[in-house]
Every structure is written in structure tokens, then in C-alpha cells.
């Protein structure tokens, strides 16, 4: 594994070159007043598709630039393809610069507490008076209602929204292993922005779009809510659930390795038994259908676990791949840097780290999981250093060199 390397390495990892990347949003100006994960994700979606995204940071920089532990990768992960301008919004002249910048935008993004943007004249009501075509995307903890005053985090809404209950074992609620609501909430904000852009093309008018962590989480557990509506029985947490398929589990095999194996249809069950030489199980009338096998899981699974315990994970992977059966090795995130499929398809891209002890080193980041015109959406701009583009952005707004120099107490220039 080599997640970071310096440009002087003799053979740095390199994704395949696939020609010019589609940029369907080229020419669209987005001004982003965001921090953490949710808002920056929305900006990254638009930036990856070619929009000119200008990230407005506090005068001392986005706090996620220097987070530790699980937050250490937030800034470089979610802020590629953006420019950075650092402004002191608390200073009246700094807020005036921000308003002038926002007025030039097609889309403004924000994810601060309700009322924060209004204090600086940067709310939708104020900005839409200057630019009626503006699309304004707010990312909040909750949509307007009884909870809107609460402070929300991904983990908060996972706990109150049923996701932690479904992820953990009974009596042990557990958050999902990624910032799923922050990331998806940002994606839904981008989806709303794209819909608003289409509508603006028809009516000529902009609108406000709102996306929220809690409602995103409720959408995620909607399948379990619907399960209850249909069956009348509450959904059990995933580790304790009644599986819809008999063979759909993690098996501990030779040398303590683990592998996920599945057979989710009667045809796959026959293939499973044939590939593994379990002719006796295939011939068993009480295991002929999936529902029969689900009912027989208490006795079937111990038999399968015992028979598979002496097989290696590599052997089973080879057998299942040849047979066309579902399987998966159990991997840690850092192992994905060596994934042959990601390397072959260009699923990882080089970025230059902007902050911290490894600033200036090159790392590989994940790209969006779709193609446009056969191309992955790549990295055009490195994650920016704080205020890296302040002078250029201000010049583009019409400030001359003397005016920019006079604003140095309100803006940071890299």
C-alpha cells in the first residue's frame, strides 16, 4: 500500500489517462460558504462536473484542514476542483466583499446554523433581491419544523433516525462506518441544484433548495419503515435480521481469514453446491427452495461453516468467481489503494495535500462512481491552500491592486 508518495518517486501510482473529461457544468459559477462534509460534498459534485466553485473560508482557514483522527481526510477529500478565498465575515468590509462575490454567482451553497447567513446579508432573501436568477442551496440538520433549532451531526441523526439501531447488534446502536448522511445530504443538495438549474432555464428565475441530515437519514431507513408497514413486524437490526436469503453471510475459513459468500436464488444454490462438491445438500428435498433454506438456516449454516472452515479465502474466491457466484473478501479501507479494479479503471486520482505534515506530498483520492460520455470525472484543481485564489477572485470582481491591498485585514492571500 502506498497512499501517499512524493513526486520524486521513481514509479508513482498513476490512473489510466482517458482523454478529455466531460464538463457539463463548465461556465457555471458556484460560491460556497461551507465547512465540514455536507456542504463541501455538494460543492465537490458541482466542481467535478466542471463548475467554477469558489470556496469562502474563514480568515484563519477551514477548521477541517487540521482535524485529527477520523476527520484528518475531510478537507483534501471534499474540496478538490475548488478555488479558495479567505474572508473575515465579522468585519463589515469583509462581509461586503462576500456579498459582492455571492451576487456574481449562479449557485450559492451554505451549511451553517439557521440565521447565520442572514447576519451578514448572505441569506437567500437578501441575495435574490440582487440576483433573481440565483439558486441558493442550504444544507441543514433538519428541514423547517419542530427540530430545526437543534444542532445536528451525522451521528446525532443516525441515532434518532433509526440507522444506528439497524446497524448495531440488539441493544448496541452503532453508527455506520462512514459519514453517510453528510455525504448523501450534500449529494441531494447537488441534485436539487441541478433540478433548479433546469427550472431556471425554463422560467429564468432561481430558487432556494434545502437538504437536511435528518430527512436524508429517514430516507435511508425508509426500506425498513416500509417493511414494517407491509409485514406489521418491526425490522430487526441487520446483524440480527431474518435474512431473505439462506446463504448470505460472512464465513471464517482457513487461517482465520474471513470471506462473504452468497447464493440468493435456487439456480445459485445449485451452482454453489456443484462448485463446492456438496451434492448431498443439493439432493436434499428440504433445501430445494430459497424459503425452505431460510427456514433451515439454524441447521444449515453450522454445516456450511464446518465444511468451509478448511478452505482458504483465496481458493473460495477463485471458485466463486469462476462459477459467477457473489463473494467478497473482507477488506480494510487502506487495502483499496491496491485494488486491481480501481487501478485499472482509473477509480483513484492523484491530489496534492494542501496542509499538515504531509503538505506538498501526493496522495490518491476516490473519484465519483459514474462516467459521463465514457469518462470518469477527474481532478482539475488540487485541494486549495487557504486563500490561494483570493487575489485572483477579487480581481475578477473588479477590485484593483490598491483596493486588494487595502482589504488585507479582511481577507487572507496565500
Protein backbone atom coordinates (compact mmCIF):
# COMPACT_ATOMS: atom_id res chain seq x y z
CA UNK A 1 0.00 0.00 0.00
CA UNK A 2 1.26 3.45 -0.90
CA UNK A 3 -1.46 6.02 -0.19
CA UNK A 4 0.97 8.95 -0.26
CA UNK A 5 4.20 9.49 -2.14
CA UNK A 6 6.38 12.35 -3.26
CA UNK A 7 6.66 13.47 -6.88
CA UNK A 8 10.28 12.26 -6.90
CA UNK A 9 9.27 8.62 -6.51
CA UNK A 10 10.57 6.66 -9.50
CA UNK A 11 7.29 4.86 -10.16
CA UNK A 12 4.37 6.76 -8.60
CA UNK A 13 0.96 5.12 -8.97
CA UNK A 14 -0.93 6.62 -11.88
CA UNK A 15 -4.50 6.18 -13.03
CA UNK A 16 -5.06 5.44 -16.71
CA UNK A 17 -5.28 8.50 -18.94
CA UNK A 18 -8.63 8.54 -20.67
CA UNK A 19 -8.71 11.73 -22.69
CA UNK A 20 -10.68 14.89 -22.03
CA UNK A 21 -13.17 14.61 -19.18
CA UNK A 22 -16.74 15.76 -19.76
CA UNK A 23 -17.52 19.06 -18.00
CA UNK A 24 -21.27 19.60 -18.37
CA UNK A 25 -21.30 22.46 -15.83
CA UNK A 26 -18.40 24.42 -17.33
CA UNK A 27 -19.10 28.14 -17.06
CA UNK A 28 -21.34 27.80 -14.00
CA UNK A 29 -20.15 29.91 -11.04
CA UNK A 30 -20.72 28.45 -7.57
CA UNK A 31 -19.84 30.31 -4.37
CA UNK A 32 -19.57 28.00 -1.40
CA UNK A 33 -19.91 29.08 2.24
CA UNK A 34 -19.45 25.64 3.76
CA UNK A 35 -17.42 23.60 6.20
CA UNK A 36 -17.08 20.01 7.43
CA UNK A 37 -18.53 17.41 5.00
CA UNK A 38 -22.12 18.03 3.90
CA UNK A 39 -21.81 21.39 2.14
CA UNK A 40 -18.34 20.66 0.74
CA UNK A 41 -19.68 17.43 -0.78
CA UNK A 42 -22.33 19.38 -2.67
CA UNK A 43 -19.67 21.77 -3.94
CA UNK A 44 -17.43 18.89 -4.96
CA UNK A 45 -20.21 17.28 -7.01
CA UNK A 46 -20.71 20.51 -8.95
CA UNK A 47 -16.96 21.16 -9.20
CA UNK A 48 -16.19 17.68 -10.52
CA UNK A 49 -18.76 18.26 -13.25
CA UNK A 50 -16.92 21.39 -14.33
CA UNK A 51 -18.44 24.24 -12.34
CA UNK A 52 -16.19 27.10 -11.23
CA UNK A 53 -16.50 26.65 -7.47
CA UNK A 54 -15.12 29.34 -5.15
CA UNK A 55 -14.86 28.22 -1.54
CA UNK A 56 -15.15 31.03 1.01
CA UNK A 57 -13.14 30.17 4.11
CA UNK A 58 -12.78 32.00 7.43
CA UNK A 59 -9.77 34.32 7.64
CA UNK A 60 -7.85 31.62 9.54
CA UNK A 61 -8.96 28.82 7.23
CA UNK A 62 -11.47 25.98 7.24
CA UNK A 63 -11.12 24.11 10.54
CA UNK A 64 -11.25 20.75 8.77
CA UNK A 65 -7.80 21.48 7.33
CA UNK A 66 -6.26 20.42 10.65
CA UNK A 67 -8.63 17.87 12.17
CA UNK A 68 -7.17 14.73 13.71
CA UNK A 69 -8.28 11.12 13.71
CA UNK A 70 -11.39 10.29 11.68
CA UNK A 71 -11.55 13.88 10.38
CA UNK A 72 -8.00 14.01 9.06
CA UNK A 73 -9.03 13.41 5.45
CA UNK A 74 -12.05 15.70 5.30
CA UNK A 75 -10.52 18.75 3.61
CA UNK A 76 -8.49 17.07 0.84
CA UNK A 77 -11.28 14.56 0.19
CA UNK A 78 -14.16 17.02 -0.25
CA UNK A 79 -12.52 20.17 -1.60
CA UNK A 80 -10.80 19.26 -4.84
CA UNK A 81 -11.54 21.22 -8.01
CA UNK A 82 -12.24 24.38 -6.00
CA UNK A 83 -10.66 27.79 -5.57
CA UNK A 84 -10.18 29.27 -2.09
CA UNK A 85 -10.76 32.80 -0.90
CA UNK A 86 -10.44 33.59 2.83
CA UNK A 87 -12.64 36.41 4.17
CA UNK A 88 -13.37 37.78 7.65
CA UNK A 89 -17.17 37.95 7.57
CA UNK A 90 -17.24 39.51 11.03
CA UNK A 91 -15.72 42.68 9.58
CA UNK A 92 -18.25 44.84 7.68
CA UNK A 93 -15.88 45.31 4.74
CA UNK A 94 -15.21 41.58 4.62
CA UNK A 95 -18.94 40.83 4.60
CA UNK A 96 -19.35 43.37 1.79
CA UNK A 97 -16.74 41.51 -0.26
CA UNK A 98 -18.59 38.26 0.36
CA UNK A 99 -21.90 39.79 -0.74
CA UNK A 100 -20.31 41.12 -3.91
CA UNK A 101 -18.89 37.67 -4.63
CA UNK A 102 -22.20 35.92 -3.89
CA UNK A 103 -24.06 38.33 -6.16
CA UNK A 104 -21.87 37.17 -9.06
CA UNK A 105 -22.84 33.51 -8.59
CA UNK A 106 -25.23 31.21 -10.36
CA UNK A 107 -25.38 29.00 -7.26
CA UNK A 108 -24.61 29.76 -3.61
CA UNK A 109 -24.09 26.91 -1.14
CA UNK A 110 -24.12 27.12 2.66
CA UNK A 111 -24.35 24.78 5.63
CA UNK A 112 -24.38 26.95 8.72
CA UNK A 113 -26.87 27.18 11.57
CA UNK A 114 -30.21 28.81 10.77
CA UNK A 115 -29.86 32.60 10.87
CA UNK A 116 -26.08 32.68 10.42
CA UNK A 117 -26.08 33.79 6.79
CA UNK A 118 -28.80 36.39 7.44
CA UNK A 119 -26.50 38.18 9.90
CA UNK A 120 -24.16 39.01 7.01
CA UNK A 121 -26.78 39.74 4.36
CA UNK A 122 -25.90 36.46 2.68
CA UNK A 123 -29.25 34.70 3.03
CA UNK A 124 -31.45 33.84 0.06
CA UNK A 125 -33.94 36.64 0.73
CA UNK A 126 -31.21 39.28 0.56
CA UNK A 127 -29.20 37.85 -2.33
CA UNK A 128 -32.20 37.07 -4.51
CA UNK A 129 -33.13 40.77 -4.41
CA UNK A 130 -29.83 41.46 -6.20
CA UNK A 131 -29.84 38.39 -8.44
CA UNK A 132 -33.27 36.89 -9.17
CA UNK A 133 -31.63 34.04 -11.11
CA UNK A 134 -29.69 32.86 -8.07
CA UNK A 135 -30.03 29.26 -6.93
CA UNK A 136 -29.36 29.03 -3.21
CA UNK A 137 -28.70 25.64 -1.63
CA UNK A 138 -28.93 25.37 2.16
CA UNK A 139 -27.68 22.26 3.95
CA UNK A 140 -29.14 21.91 7.44
CA UNK A 141 -29.59 19.42 10.22
CA UNK A 142 -33.37 19.40 9.78
CA UNK A 143 -35.83 20.82 7.29
CA UNK A 144 -38.06 23.58 8.73
CA UNK A 145 -40.17 22.23 11.58
CA UNK A 146 -40.08 21.41 15.31
CA UNK A 147 -36.46 20.19 15.20
CA UNK A 148 -34.94 22.91 13.04
CA UNK A 149 -33.40 24.76 16.02
CA UNK A 150 -31.41 21.69 17.10
CA UNK A 151 -27.74 21.20 16.34
CA UNK A 152 -27.34 18.09 14.23
CA UNK A 153 -24.39 15.90 13.37
CA UNK A 154 -24.25 12.76 11.25
CA UNK A 155 -24.08 10.63 14.38
CA UNK A 156 -26.96 12.51 16.02
CA UNK A 157 -29.37 11.82 13.18
CA UNK A 158 -28.17 8.23 12.83
CA UNK A 159 -29.14 7.68 16.46
CA UNK A 160 -32.51 9.43 16.34
CA UNK A 161 -33.33 8.28 12.80
CA UNK A 162 -33.08 4.51 13.27
CA UNK A 163 -29.89 3.92 11.27
CA UNK A 164 -27.68 3.26 14.30
CA UNK A 165 -30.32 0.87 15.63
CA UNK A 166 -30.34 -1.03 12.34
CA UNK A 167 -26.54 -1.12 12.04
CA UNK A 168 -25.66 -2.31 15.52
CA UNK A 169 -26.47 -5.52 17.33
CA UNK A 170 -29.60 -5.56 19.54
CA UNK A 171 -29.07 -3.19 22.45
CA UNK A 172 -25.89 -1.77 20.92
CA UNK A 173 -26.71 1.06 18.46
CA UNK A 174 -23.77 1.70 16.19
CA UNK A 175 -23.15 4.48 13.69
CA UNK A 176 -22.40 3.48 10.11
CA UNK A 177 -18.72 3.36 9.19
CA UNK A 178 -18.78 6.47 7.00
CA UNK A 179 -20.31 9.96 7.07
CA UNK A 180 -23.26 8.62 5.11
CA UNK A 181 -25.77 11.39 5.89
CA UNK A 182 -23.30 14.22 5.42
CA UNK A 183 -22.17 12.83 2.08
CA UNK A 184 -25.62 11.87 0.80
CA UNK A 185 -27.12 15.12 2.13
CA UNK A 186 -24.57 17.03 0.07
CA UNK A 187 -25.36 14.90 -2.96
CA UNK A 188 -29.09 15.58 -2.57
CA UNK A 189 -28.27 19.28 -2.33
CA UNK A 190 -26.45 18.97 -5.66
CA UNK A 191 -29.37 17.06 -7.18
CA UNK A 192 -31.68 19.86 -6.06
CA UNK A 193 -29.32 22.44 -7.56
CA UNK A 194 -29.27 20.64 -10.89
CA UNK A 195 -33.07 20.47 -10.93
CA UNK A 196 -33.26 24.17 -10.10
CA UNK A 197 -30.86 24.95 -12.94
CA UNK A 198 -33.14 23.17 -15.39
CA UNK A 199 -36.14 25.03 -14.00
CA UNK A 200 -34.26 28.34 -14.27
CA UNK A 201 -33.64 27.59 -17.92
CA UNK A 202 -37.42 27.43 -18.36
CA UNK A 203 -38.59 30.29 -16.13
CA UNK A 204 -35.48 32.49 -15.89
CA UNK A 205 -35.83 32.53 -12.11
CA UNK A 206 -33.76 30.96 -9.37
CA UNK A 207 -34.99 29.38 -6.16
CA UNK A 208 -33.91 28.13 -2.75
CA UNK A 209 -33.12 24.43 -2.29
CA UNK A 210 -32.86 22.82 1.13
CA UNK A 211 -31.28 19.48 2.05
CA UNK A 212 -31.11 18.08 5.58
CA UNK A 213 -29.24 15.40 7.51
CA UNK A 214 -32.24 14.05 9.41
CA UNK A 215 -34.50 13.74 6.40
CA UNK A 216 -31.65 12.10 4.50
CA UNK A 217 -31.28 9.53 7.27
CA UNK A 218 -35.03 8.86 7.30
CA UNK A 219 -34.86 8.25 3.56
CA UNK A 220 -32.09 5.69 4.16
CA UNK A 221 -34.17 3.73 6.67
CA UNK A 222 -37.35 4.07 4.59
CA UNK A 223 -36.99 0.48 3.40
CA UNK A 224 -37.21 -0.73 6.99
CA UNK A 225 -40.19 1.53 7.70
CA UNK A 226 -41.90 0.07 4.63
CA UNK A 227 -41.00 -3.44 5.79
CA UNK A 228 -42.96 -2.73 8.99
CA UNK A 229 -45.85 -1.21 7.05
CA UNK A 230 -46.16 -4.34 4.91
CA UNK A 231 -45.43 -7.08 7.44
CA UNK A 232 -46.66 -5.50 10.67
CA UNK A 233 -43.43 -6.63 12.33
CA UNK A 234 -40.60 -4.27 13.31
CA UNK A 235 -37.37 -4.68 11.38
CA UNK A 236 -34.62 -6.34 13.38
CA UNK A 237 -31.13 -4.81 13.42
CA UNK A 238 -29.10 -6.01 10.46
CA UNK A 239 -26.82 -8.34 12.49
CA UNK A 240 -29.95 -9.99 13.93
CA UNK A 241 -32.25 -9.79 10.93
CA UNK A 242 -34.13 -12.63 9.32
CA UNK A 243 -32.27 -12.84 6.04
CA UNK A 244 -34.24 -13.01 2.82
CA UNK A 245 -31.64 -15.48 1.56
CA UNK A 246 -30.28 -18.60 3.20
CA UNK A 247 -26.64 -18.27 2.15
CA UNK A 248 -25.75 -14.61 2.63
CA UNK A 249 -23.12 -14.38 5.33
CA UNK A 250 -19.53 -13.95 6.45
CA UNK A 251 -17.63 -17.22 6.91
CA UNK A 252 -14.45 -17.71 8.91
CA UNK A 253 -12.24 -20.05 6.90
CA UNK A 254 -8.68 -21.39 6.88
CA UNK A 255 -6.09 -19.50 8.95
CA UNK A 256 -8.83 -17.35 10.46
CA UNK A 257 -9.49 -15.42 7.25
CA UNK A 258 -12.99 -14.19 6.56
CA UNK A 259 -14.98 -14.02 3.36
CA UNK A 260 -18.55 -13.10 2.45
CA UNK A 261 -20.35 -15.74 0.37
CA UNK A 262 -23.86 -15.72 -1.06
CA UNK A 263 -26.32 -17.78 -3.06
CA UNK A 264 -29.52 -15.78 -3.47
CA UNK A 265 -31.57 -17.89 -5.86
CA UNK A 266 -32.35 -21.55 -6.43
CA UNK A 267 -30.11 -21.53 -9.51
CA UNK A 268 -27.25 -20.06 -7.48
CA UNK A 269 -27.80 -22.66 -4.76
CA UNK A 270 -27.36 -25.42 -7.35
CA UNK A 271 -24.21 -23.74 -8.66
CA UNK A 272 -22.95 -23.24 -5.09
CA UNK A 273 -23.37 -26.93 -4.23
CA UNK A 274 -21.85 -28.08 -7.52
CA UNK A 275 -18.83 -25.81 -7.27
CA UNK A 276 -18.11 -26.90 -3.69
CA UNK A 277 -18.93 -30.58 -4.16
CA UNK A 278 -21.95 -30.54 -1.84
CA UNK A 279 -24.06 -32.96 -3.88
CA UNK A 280 -25.78 -34.29 -0.76
CA UNK A 281 -27.10 -30.84 0.12
CA UNK A 282 -28.25 -30.25 -3.44
CA UNK A 283 -30.19 -33.53 -3.34
CA UNK A 284 -31.87 -32.72 -0.01
CA UNK A 285 -35.62 -32.10 -0.68
CA UNK A 286 -35.91 -29.86 2.39
CA UNK A 287 -33.38 -27.45 0.87
CA UNK A 288 -34.84 -27.25 -2.61
CA UNK A 289 -36.21 -23.70 -2.44
CA UNK A 290 -34.83 -20.48 -1.02
CA UNK A 291 -37.61 -20.15 1.53
CA UNK A 292 -37.00 -23.70 2.70
CA UNK A 293 -33.32 -22.94 3.10
CA UNK A 294 -34.11 -19.75 5.04
CA UNK A 295 -36.25 -21.78 7.44
CA UNK A 296 -33.46 -24.35 7.71
CA UNK A 297 -30.71 -21.80 8.48
CA UNK A 298 -30.33 -22.87 12.14
CA UNK A 299 -29.17 -26.31 10.99
CA UNK A 300 -27.83 -25.48 7.52
CA UNK A 301 -25.39 -22.72 8.49
CA UNK A 302 -23.40 -24.79 11.04
CA UNK A 303 -22.95 -27.49 8.38
CA UNK A 304 -21.72 -24.97 5.81
CA UNK A 305 -19.39 -23.28 8.30
CA UNK A 306 -17.83 -26.61 9.25
CA UNK A 307 -17.33 -27.69 5.63
CA UNK A 308 -15.86 -24.36 4.54
CA UNK A 309 -13.55 -23.93 7.53
CA UNK A 310 -10.71 -25.84 5.88
CA UNK A 311 -10.88 -23.89 2.59
CA UNK A 312 -8.73 -20.80 2.09
CA UNK A 313 -10.25 -17.46 1.22
CA UNK A 314 -8.21 -17.38 -2.00
CA UNK A 315 -9.49 -20.82 -3.05
CA UNK A 316 -13.10 -19.85 -2.37
CA UNK A 317 -12.69 -16.55 -4.20
CA UNK A 318 -11.37 -18.38 -7.25
CA UNK A 319 -14.18 -20.95 -7.17
CA UNK A 320 -16.90 -18.34 -6.77
CA UNK A 321 -15.50 -16.06 -9.46
CA UNK A 322 -15.35 -18.93 -11.96
CA UNK A 323 -18.88 -20.01 -11.04
CA UNK A 324 -20.30 -16.48 -11.23
CA UNK A 325 -21.42 -16.51 -7.61
CA UNK A 326 -21.42 -13.45 -5.30
CA UNK A 327 -18.43 -13.24 -2.96
CA UNK A 328 -16.30 -10.60 -1.29
CA UNK A 329 -13.06 -10.56 0.65
CA UNK A 330 -13.29 -8.60 3.91
CA UNK A 331 -11.07 -5.58 3.38
CA UNK A 332 -9.93 -2.55 5.31
CA UNK A 333 -10.17 0.88 3.63
CA UNK A 334 -6.39 1.26 3.18
CA UNK A 335 -6.26 -2.00 1.24
CA UNK A 336 -8.30 -0.42 -1.54
CA UNK A 337 -5.24 1.52 -2.66
CA UNK A 338 -4.02 -1.77 -4.16
CA UNK A 339 -7.37 -2.86 -5.66
CA UNK A 340 -6.68 -4.05 -9.19
CA UNK A 341 -10.06 -2.94 -10.49
CA UNK A 342 -9.72 0.62 -9.13
CA UNK A 343 -6.19 0.87 -10.52
CA UNK A 344 -7.17 -0.47 -13.92
CA UNK A 345 -10.28 1.69 -14.32
CA UNK A 346 -8.92 4.98 -13.03
CA UNK A 347 -11.06 4.98 -9.90
CA UNK A 348 -8.28 6.69 -7.92
CA UNK A 349 -6.74 10.03 -8.81
CA UNK A 350 -3.71 11.96 -7.62
CA UNK A 351 -4.08 15.05 -5.46
CA UNK A 352 -1.52 17.23 -3.70
CA UNK A 353 -2.14 17.52 0.03
CA UNK A 354 -2.52 21.21 0.99
CA UNK A 355 -2.00 21.13 4.76
CA UNK A 356 -0.32 19.38 7.66
CA UNK A 357 2.91 17.46 7.97
CA UNK A 358 2.45 15.90 4.53
CA UNK A 359 1.62 19.14 2.71
CA UNK A 360 3.03 19.01 -0.80
CA UNK A 361 3.01 15.23 -0.96
CA UNK A 362 0.84 13.43 -3.46
CA UNK A 363 -1.95 11.12 -2.36
CA UNK A 364 -4.64 9.20 -4.19
CA UNK A 365 -8.30 10.03 -3.69
CA UNK A 366 -11.52 8.39 -4.82
CA UNK A 367 -13.48 9.73 -7.78
CA UNK A 368 -17.23 9.77 -8.25
CA UNK A 369 -18.61 6.32 -9.14
CA UNK A 370 -20.02 7.19 -12.54
CA UNK A 371 -18.86 8.10 -16.01
CA UNK A 372 -20.07 10.74 -18.48
CA UNK A 373 -19.51 10.10 -22.15
CA UNK A 374 -17.40 7.16 -21.04
CA UNK A 375 -15.11 9.30 -18.89
CA UNK A 376 -14.54 9.50 -15.15
CA UNK A 377 -14.79 13.00 -13.71
CA UNK A 378 -11.23 13.77 -12.70
CA UNK A 379 -9.19 16.29 -10.73
CA UNK A 380 -8.73 19.64 -12.49
CA UNK A 381 -7.70 21.70 -9.45
CA UNK A 382 -5.84 20.48 -6.40
CA UNK A 383 -7.43 20.95 -2.95
CA UNK A 384 -6.57 24.63 -2.43
CA UNK A 385 -4.29 26.18 0.12
CA UNK A 386 -6.06 28.68 2.37
CA UNK A 387 -6.74 31.85 0.40
CA UNK A 388 -4.79 30.55 -2.58
CA UNK A 389 -7.07 32.29 -5.07
CA UNK A 390 -8.09 35.35 -3.03
CA UNK A 391 -6.24 37.91 -5.13
CA UNK A 392 -7.38 36.43 -8.44
CA UNK A 393 -11.03 36.18 -7.34
CA UNK A 394 -11.05 39.76 -6.06
CA UNK A 395 -9.50 40.98 -9.29
CA UNK A 396 -12.20 39.13 -11.19
CA UNK A 397 -14.81 41.02 -9.15
CA UNK A 398 -13.30 44.33 -10.27
CA UNK A 399 -11.10 45.19 -7.30
CA UNK A 400 -7.86 46.82 -8.38
CA UNK A 401 -4.46 46.18 -6.81
CA UNK A 402 -4.74 49.14 -4.44
CA UNK A 403 -8.19 48.07 -3.25
CA UNK A 404 -7.00 44.49 -2.73
CA UNK A 405 -4.06 45.78 -0.68
CA UNK A 406 -6.49 47.81 1.42
CA UNK A 407 -8.55 44.70 2.16
CA UNK A 408 -5.67 42.69 3.62
CA UNK A 409 -7.05 42.97 7.13
CA UNK A 410 -10.32 41.39 5.94
CA UNK A 411 -9.01 38.78 3.52
CA UNK A 412 -6.17 36.27 3.54
CA UNK A 413 -3.96 35.92 0.48
CA UNK A 414 -1.83 32.79 0.15
